[in-house]
C-alpha atoms as a PDB file:
ATOM      1  CA  UNK A   1      95.928  97.401 112.672  1.00  0.00           C
ATOM      2  CA  UNK A   2      98.671  94.778 112.842  1.00  0.00           C
ATOM      3  CA  UNK A   3     102.296  95.609 112.097  1.00  0.00           C
ATOM      4  CA  UNK A   4     105.065  93.124 111.368  1.00  0.00           C
ATOM      5  CA  UNK A   5     108.128  94.578 113.072  1.00  0.00           C
ATOM      6  CA  UNK A   6     111.755  93.487 113.098  1.00  0.00           C
ATOM      7  CA  UNK A   7     114.104  94.123 116.011  1.00  0.00           C
ATOM      8  CA  UNK A   8     116.883  96.479 114.824  1.00  0.00           C
ATOM      9  CA  UNK A   9     119.350  94.707 117.161  1.00  0.00           C
ATOM     10  CA  UNK A  10     118.871  90.984 116.478  1.00  0.00           C
ATOM     11  CA  UNK A  11     116.485  90.924 113.522  1.00  0.00           C
ATOM     12  CA  UNK A  12     113.812  88.876 115.298  1.00  0.00           C
ATOM     13  CA  UNK A  13     110.357  89.497 113.784  1.00  0.00           C
ATOM     14  CA  UNK A  14     107.059  89.799 115.580  1.00  0.00           C
ATOM     15  CA  UNK A  15     103.539  91.183 115.359  1.00  0.00           C
ATOM     16  CA  UNK A  16     102.490  94.435 116.965  1.00  0.00           C
ATOM     17  CA  UNK A  17      98.794  95.190 117.479  1.00  0.00           C
ATOM     18  CA  UNK A  18      97.850  98.869 117.144  1.00  0.00           C
ATOM     19  CA  UNK A  19      94.305  99.673 118.369  1.00  0.00           C
ATOM     20  CA  UNK A  20      92.234 101.680 115.887  1.00  0.00           C
ATOM     21  CA  UNK A  21      91.415 104.099 118.709  1.00  0.00           C
ATOM     22  CA  UNK A  22      95.079 105.151 118.670  1.00  0.00           C
ATOM     23  CA  UNK A  23      94.458 107.377 115.639  1.00  0.00           C
ATOM     24  CA  UNK A  24      91.491 109.084 117.278  1.00  0.00           C
ATOM     25  CA  UNK A  25      93.907 110.707 119.725  1.00  0.00           C
ATOM     26  CA  UNK A  26      96.497 111.610 117.079  1.00  0.00           C
ATOM     27  CA  UNK A  27      96.548 114.459 114.562  1.00  0.00           C
ATOM     28  CA  UNK A  28      99.754 113.244 112.921  1.00  0.00           C
ATOM     29  CA  UNK A  29      99.898 110.697 110.089  1.00  0.00           C
ATOM     30  CA  UNK A  30     102.949 109.094 111.723  1.00  0.00           C
ATOM     31  CA  UNK A  31     103.373 107.518 115.162  1.00  0.00           C
ATOM     32  CA  UNK A  32     106.386 106.239 117.105  1.00  0.00           C
ATOM     33  CA  UNK A  33     105.292 103.244 119.193  1.00  0.00           C
ATOM     34  CA  UNK A  34     107.169 101.588 122.063  1.00  0.00           C
ATOM     35  CA  UNK A  35     107.996  97.865 121.864  1.00  0.00           C
ATOM     36  CA  UNK A  36     109.130  96.741 125.349  1.00  0.00           C
ATOM     37  CA  UNK A  37     111.698  93.966 125.952  1.00  0.00           C
ATOM     38  CA  UNK A  38     110.013  90.569 125.743  1.00  0.00           C
ATOM     39  CA  UNK A  39     107.328  91.653 123.299  1.00  0.00           C
ATOM     40  CA  UNK A  40     109.252  90.549 120.206  1.00  0.00           C
ATOM     41  CA  UNK A  41     112.591  89.481 121.657  1.00  0.00           C
ATOM     42  CA  UNK A  42     114.815  90.300 124.620  1.00  0.00           C
ATOM     43  CA  UNK A  43     115.495  93.783 123.224  1.00  0.00           C
ATOM     44  CA  UNK A  44     113.335  96.877 123.431  1.00  0.00           C
ATOM     45  CA  UNK A  45     112.970  99.454 120.661  1.00  0.00           C
ATOM     46  CA  UNK A  46     110.676 102.049 119.154  1.00  0.00           C
ATOM     47  CA  UNK A  47     108.988 101.637 115.785  1.00  0.00           C
ATOM     48  CA  UNK A  48     107.904 104.515 113.558  1.00  0.00           C
ATOM     49  CA  UNK A  49     104.927 103.800 111.299  1.00  0.00           C
ATOM     50  CA  UNK A  50     102.383 105.596 109.140  1.00  0.00           C
ATOM     51  CA  UNK A  51      98.606 105.759 109.352  1.00  0.00           C
ATOM     52  CA  UNK A  52      98.439 103.387 106.399  1.00  0.00           C
ATOM     53  CA  UNK A  53     100.408 100.742 108.312  1.00  0.00           C
ATOM     54  CA  UNK A  54     103.843 101.041 106.715  1.00  0.00           C
ATOM     55  CA  UNK A  55     106.870 100.719 109.000  1.00  0.00           C
ATOM     56  CA  UNK A  56     109.099 103.757 108.406  1.00  0.00           C
ATOM     57  CA  UNK A  57     111.983 103.070 110.762  1.00  0.00           C
ATOM     58  CA  UNK A  58     113.224 102.071 114.209  1.00  0.00           C
ATOM     59  CA  UNK A  59     114.649 104.047 117.133  1.00  0.00           C
ATOM     60  CA  UNK A  60     116.560 103.323 120.315  1.00  0.00           C
ATOM     61  CA  UNK A  61     114.216 102.642 123.226  1.00  0.00           C
ATOM     62  CA  UNK A  62     115.987 105.219 125.405  1.00  0.00           C
ATOM     63  CA  UNK A  63     115.950 107.979 122.807  1.00  0.00           C
ATOM     64  CA  UNK A  64     114.256 111.133 124.038  1.00  0.00           C
ATOM     65  CA  UNK A  65     110.810 111.852 122.646  1.00  0.00           C
ATOM     66  CA  UNK A  66     111.079 114.774 120.228  1.00  0.00           C
ATOM     67  CA  UNK A  67     109.576 116.173 117.088  1.00  0.00           C
ATOM     68  CA  UNK A  68     110.766 114.475 113.935  1.00  0.00           C
ATOM     69  CA  UNK A  69     110.670 115.290 110.249  1.00  0.00           C
ATOM     70  CA  UNK A  70     108.583 113.244 107.853  1.00  0.00           C
ATOM     71  CA  UNK A  71     110.843 110.865 105.985  1.00  0.00           C
ATOM     72  CA  UNK A  72     109.658 109.355 102.717  1.00  0.00           C
ATOM     73  CA  UNK A  73     108.935 105.649 102.589  1.00  0.00           C
ATOM     74  CA  UNK A  74     111.676 104.042 100.496  1.00  0.00           C
ATOM     75  CA  UNK A  75     109.832 102.080  97.812  1.00  0.00           C
ATOM     76  CA  UNK A  76     111.294  99.377  95.618  1.00  0.00           C
ATOM     77  CA  UNK A  77     109.346  97.891  92.719  1.00  0.00           C
ATOM     78  CA  UNK A  78     108.466  94.912  94.888  1.00  0.00           C
ATOM     79  CA  UNK A  79     107.402  96.869  97.996  1.00  0.00           C
ATOM     80  CA  UNK A  80     105.372  99.350  95.932  1.00  0.00           C
ATOM     81  CA  UNK A  81     103.442  96.492  94.305  1.00  0.00           C
ATOM     82  CA  UNK A  82     103.068  94.622  97.602  1.00  0.00           C
ATOM     83  CA  UNK A  83     101.787  97.617  99.592  1.00  0.00           C
ATOM     84  CA  UNK A  84      99.846  99.564  96.958  1.00  0.00           C
ATOM     85  CA  UNK A  85      98.796  96.796  94.506  1.00  0.00           C
ATOM     86  CA  UNK A  86     100.084  96.333  90.973  1.00  0.00           C
ATOM     87  CA  UNK A  87      96.994  98.085  89.555  1.00  0.00           C
ATOM     88  CA  UNK A  88      97.689 101.309  91.484  1.00  0.00           C
ATOM     89  CA  UNK A  89     101.400 101.330  90.580  1.00  0.00           C
ATOM     90  CA  UNK A  90     100.581 100.655  86.918  1.00  0.00           C
ATOM     91  CA  UNK A  91      98.007 103.481  86.931  1.00  0.00           C
ATOM     92  CA  UNK A  92     100.501 105.935  88.430  1.00  0.00           C
ATOM     93  CA  UNK A  93     103.223 105.105  85.910  1.00  0.00           C
ATOM     94  CA  UNK A  94     100.799 105.170  82.975  1.00  0.00           C
ATOM     95  CA  UNK A  95      99.486 108.590  84.026  1.00  0.00           C
ATOM     96  CA  UNK A  96     103.074 109.803  84.508  1.00  0.00           C
ATOM     97  CA  UNK A  97     104.080 108.667  81.024  1.00  0.00           C
ATOM     98  CA  UNK A  98     101.048 110.457  79.589  1.00  0.00           C
ATOM     99  CA  UNK A  99     101.983 113.624  81.532  1.00  0.00           C
ATOM    100  CA  UNK A 100      98.701 113.654  83.423  1.00  0.00           C
ATOM    101  CA  UNK A 101      98.338 115.489  86.732  1.00  0.00           C
ATOM    102  CA  UNK A 102      97.999 113.108  89.685  1.00  0.00           C
ATOM    103  CA  UNK A 103      96.571 113.700  93.165  1.00  0.00           C
ATOM    104  CA  UNK A 104      97.996 111.339  95.790  1.00  0.00           C
ATOM    105  CA  UNK A 105      95.877 111.118  98.935  1.00  0.00           C
ATOM    106  CA  UNK A 106      97.241 109.486 102.059  1.00  0.00           C
ATOM    107  CA  UNK A 107     100.159 109.607 104.486  1.00  0.00           C
ATOM    108  CA  UNK A 108     102.662 112.264 103.419  1.00  0.00           C
ATOM    109  CA  UNK A 109     105.526 109.858 104.077  1.00  0.00           C
ATOM    110  CA  UNK A 110     103.970 107.404 101.626  1.00  0.00           C
ATOM    111  CA  UNK A 111     103.103 110.012  98.984  1.00  0.00           C
ATOM    112  CA  UNK A 112     106.634 111.430  99.149  1.00  0.00           C
ATOM    113  CA  UNK A 113     107.984 107.913  98.699  1.00  0.00           C
ATOM    114  CA  UNK A 114     105.764 107.341  95.667  1.00  0.00           C
ATOM    115  CA  UNK A 115     106.951 110.580  94.082  1.00  0.00           C
ATOM    116  CA  UNK A 116     110.591 109.623  94.622  1.00  0.00           C
ATOM    117  CA  UNK A 117     109.909 106.164  93.167  1.00  0.00           C
ATOM    118  CA  UNK A 118     108.312 107.662  90.054  1.00  0.00           C
ATOM    119  CA  UNK A 119     111.180 110.118  89.631  1.00  0.00           C
ATOM    120  CA  UNK A 120     113.582 107.168  89.607  1.00  0.00           C
ATOM    121  CA  UNK A 121     111.760 104.969  87.107  1.00  0.00           C
ATOM    122  CA  UNK A 122     110.436 107.812  84.890  1.00  0.00           C
ATOM    123  CA  UNK A 123     113.248 110.411  85.055  1.00  0.00           C
ATOM    124  CA  UNK A 124     112.929 111.575  81.438  1.00  0.00           C
ATOM    125  CA  UNK A 125     109.147 111.547  81.245  1.00  0.00           C
ATOM    126  CA  UNK A 126     107.864 114.645  83.046  1.00  0.00           C
ATOM    127  CA  UNK A 127     108.747 116.935  85.904  1.00  0.00           C
ATOM    128  CA  UNK A 128     107.049 114.577  88.325  1.00  0.00           C
ATOM    129  CA  UNK A 129     107.372 116.980  91.253  1.00  0.00           C
ATOM    130  CA  UNK A 130     105.065 119.518  89.610  1.00  0.00           C
ATOM    131  CA  UNK A 131     102.714 116.871  88.157  1.00  0.00           C
ATOM    132  CA  UNK A 132     101.759 115.408  91.528  1.00  0.00           C
ATOM    133  CA  UNK A 133      99.683 116.946  94.320  1.00  0.00           C
ATOM    134  CA  UNK A 134     100.429 115.308  97.680  1.00  0.00           C
ATOM    135  CA  UNK A 135      97.655 115.683 100.264  1.00  0.00           C
ATOM    136  CA  UNK A 136      96.291 113.997 103.349  1.00  0.00           C
ATOM    137  CA  UNK A 137      92.656 112.904 103.408  1.00  0.00           C
ATOM    138  CA  UNK A 138      91.855 115.943 105.520  1.00  0.00           C
ATOM    139  CA  UNK A 139      93.531 118.306 103.044  1.00  0.00           C
ATOM    140  CA  UNK A 140      91.812 116.690 100.057  1.00  0.00           C
ATOM    141  CA  UNK A 141      88.420 118.002 101.152  1.00  0.00           C
ATOM    142  CA  UNK A 142      89.684 121.591 100.795  1.00  0.00           C
ATOM    143  CA  UNK A 143      91.135 121.181  97.297  1.00  0.00           C
ATOM    144  CA  UNK A 144      89.520 123.176  94.466  1.00  0.00           C
ATOM    145  CA  UNK A 145      86.980 121.184  92.476  1.00  0.00           C
ATOM    146  CA  UNK A 146      89.124 121.681  89.360  1.00  0.00           C
ATOM    147  CA  UNK A 147      91.991 119.821  91.060  1.00  0.00           C
ATOM    148  CA  UNK A 148      89.715 116.987  92.212  1.00  0.00           C
ATOM    149  CA  UNK A 149      88.816 116.339  88.566  1.00  0.00           C
ATOM    150  CA  UNK A 150      92.348 115.037  87.969  1.00  0.00           C
ATOM    151  CA  UNK A 151      93.217 111.398  88.571  1.00  0.00           C
ATOM    152  CA  UNK A 152      93.220 110.808  92.329  1.00  0.00           C
ATOM    153  CA  UNK A 153      94.668 107.779  94.109  1.00  0.00           C
ATOM    154  CA  UNK A 154      93.549 107.005  97.657  1.00  0.00           C
ATOM    155  CA  UNK A 155      96.660 105.141  98.789  1.00  0.00           C
ATOM    156  CA  UNK A 156      95.168 103.736 102.009  1.00  0.00           C
ATOM    157  CA  UNK A 157      92.110 102.305 100.206  1.00  0.00           C
ATOM    158  CA  UNK A 158      94.067 101.497  97.003  1.00  0.00           C
ATOM    159  CA  UNK A 159      91.342 103.070  94.866  1.00  0.00           C
ATOM    160  CA  UNK A 160      91.621 105.208  91.731  1.00  0.00           C
ATOM    161  CA  UNK A 161      89.224 108.089  91.073  1.00  0.00           C
ATOM    162  CA  UNK A 162      88.918 109.726  87.627  1.00  0.00           C
ATOM    163  CA  UNK A 163      91.423 107.410  85.893  1.00  0.00           C
ATOM    164  CA  UNK A 164      93.448 109.276  83.271  1.00  0.00           C
ATOM    165  CA  UNK A 165      94.986 106.621  81.052  1.00  0.00           C
ATOM    166  CA  UNK A 166      94.355 104.402  78.074  1.00  0.00           C
ATOM    167  CA  UNK A 167      93.338 100.856  79.072  1.00  0.00           C
ATOM    168  CA  UNK A 168      95.729  99.274  76.561  1.00  0.00           C
ATOM    169  CA  UNK A 169      98.630 101.377  77.845  1.00  0.00           C
ATOM    170  CA  UNK A 170      97.707 100.454  81.418  1.00  0.00           C
ATOM    171  CA  UNK A 171      97.742  96.743  80.625  1.00  0.00           C
ATOM    172  CA  UNK A 172     101.102  97.118  78.852  1.00  0.00           C
ATOM    173  CA  UNK A 173     102.654  98.846  81.902  1.00  0.00           C
ATOM    174  CA  UNK A 174     101.102  96.203  84.149  1.00  0.00           C
ATOM    175  CA  UNK A 175     102.921  93.460  82.215  1.00  0.00           C
ATOM    176  CA  UNK A 176     106.191  95.392  82.486  1.00  0.00           C
ATOM    177  CA  UNK A 177     105.708  95.631  86.264  1.00  0.00           C
ATOM    178  CA  UNK A 178     105.032  91.906  86.514  1.00  0.00           C
ATOM    179  CA  UNK A 179     108.363  91.233  84.809  1.00  0.00           C
ATOM    180  CA  UNK A 180     110.206  93.763  86.978  1.00  0.00           C
ATOM    181  CA  UNK A 181     108.655  92.283  90.124  1.00  0.00           C
ATOM    182  CA  UNK A 182     110.391  88.976  89.364  1.00  0.00           C
ATOM    183  CA  UNK A 183     113.846  90.611  89.370  1.00  0.00           C
ATOM    184  CA  UNK A 184     115.453  90.606  92.816  1.00  0.00           C
ATOM    185  CA  UNK A 185     118.125  93.236  92.113  1.00  0.00           C
ATOM    186  CA  UNK A 186     116.521  96.656  92.700  1.00  0.00           C
ATOM    187  CA  UNK A 187     118.619  98.585  90.180  1.00  0.00           C
ATOM    188  CA  UNK A 188     118.146  95.973  87.458  1.00  0.00           C
ATOM    189  CA  UNK A 189     114.406  95.911  88.181  1.00  0.00           C
ATOM    190  CA  UNK A 190     114.083  99.700  87.878  1.00  0.00           C
ATOM    191  CA  UNK A 191     116.305  99.783  84.773  1.00  0.00           C
ATOM    192  CA  UNK A 192     113.964  97.275  83.142  1.00  0.00           C
ATOM    193  CA  UNK A 193     110.977  99.584  83.782  1.00  0.00           C
ATOM    194  CA  UNK A 194     112.909 102.604  82.511  1.00  0.00           C
ATOM    195  CA  UNK A 195     113.932 100.817  79.319  1.00  0.00           C
ATOM    196  CA  UNK A 196     110.479  99.440  78.540  1.00  0.00           C
ATOM    197  CA  UNK A 197     108.493 102.559  79.418  1.00  0.00           C
ATOM    198  CA  UNK A 198     110.757 104.684  77.208  1.00  0.00           C
ATOM    199  CA  UNK A 199     109.179 102.864  74.255  1.00  0.00           C
ATOM    200  CA  UNK A 200     105.707 103.801  75.448  1.00  0.00           C
ATOM    201  CA  UNK A 201     106.788 107.410  76.080  1.00  0.00           C
ATOM    202  CA  UNK A 202     107.952 107.631  72.468  1.00  0.00           C
ATOM    203  CA  UNK A 203     104.611 106.287  71.237  1.00  0.00           C
ATOM    204  CA  UNK A 204     102.614 108.660  73.471  1.00  0.00           C
ATOM    205  CA  UNK A 205     104.709 111.656  72.343  1.00  0.00           C
ATOM    206  CA  UNK A 206     104.200 110.714  68.690  1.00  0.00           C
ATOM    207  CA  UNK A 207     100.446 110.317  69.104  1.00  0.00           C
ATOM    208  CA  UNK A 208     100.248 113.655  70.940  1.00  0.00           C
ATOM    209  CA  UNK A 209     102.256 115.348  68.188  1.00  0.00           C
ATOM    210  CA  UNK A 210     100.007 113.896  65.469  1.00  0.00           C
ATOM    211  CA  UNK A 211      96.885 114.936  67.381  1.00  0.00           C
ATOM    212  CA  UNK A 212      98.230 118.488  67.704  1.00  0.00           C
ATOM    213  CA  UNK A 213      99.007 118.676  63.984  1.00  0.00           C
ATOM    214  CA  UNK A 214      95.624 117.235  63.114  1.00  0.00           C
ATOM    215  CA  UNK A 215      93.907 119.764  65.382  1.00  0.00           C
ATOM    216  CA  UNK A 216      95.888 122.618  63.866  1.00  0.00           C
ATOM    217  CA  UNK A 217      94.945 121.435  60.377  1.00  0.00           C
ATOM    218  CA  UNK A 218      91.250 121.306  61.213  1.00  0.00           C
ATOM    219  CA  UNK A 219      91.392 124.743  62.799  1.00  0.00           C
ATOM    220  CA  UNK A 220      93.191 126.093  59.729  1.00  0.00           C
ATOM    221  CA  UNK A 221      90.486 124.741  57.441  1.00  0.00           C
ATOM    222  CA  UNK A 222      87.807 126.345  59.594  1.00  0.00           C
ATOM    223  CA  UNK A 223      89.516 129.730  59.416  1.00  0.00           C
ATOM    224  CA  UNK A 224      90.027 129.383  55.678  1.00  0.00           C
ATOM    225  CA  UNK A 225      86.335 128.667  55.271  1.00  0.00           C
ATOM    226  CA  UNK A 226      85.416 131.815  57.154  1.00  0.00           C
ATOM    227  CA  UNK A 227      87.667 134.073  55.130  1.00  0.00           C
END
């Protein structure tokens, strides 16, 4: 694994090679690695990164080693698309709009960041916190089979299992994301998604309401026929 790191003191960027064998000795999904002076620049520092290769933060080289809390990755529209792919982000938002349950599988720091991102751009859609299961790959194996039937996104592999969305809706959200990705201001970019997806939420709610009424009508006719 190769990480692009940036010195927190001078801003100089460099590449850090992380051997794959590193994870064989680690149970955690997050590591703090040491970057000695001269490796990137004249300064030394520590870099905190996830199993999926996302840089989560930097620390002073002389800071004492200690346990740390998992901090969510802070996603913008651009970084979410760059790290997860536009197809995965579009699938997550489309499923969120349709109020489908989602299983996110990967680093907890990344899954927490995705949930926070969705809560920002879809605040009036659903209670995203209860609609998303956040699990590591190890925890996924122990989930009930009924939970595994929901849409699952493997964030490290960028794959979608059991997709739970309409293809036309997905393509529509994908086009919205492409437009938002071109906007450099984060707030303006997220406001654009919020404004556009509100139209789709209205359509989805209307279709769901009509389907419920239609179902109730059919059921009523069946009961009337039996009486």
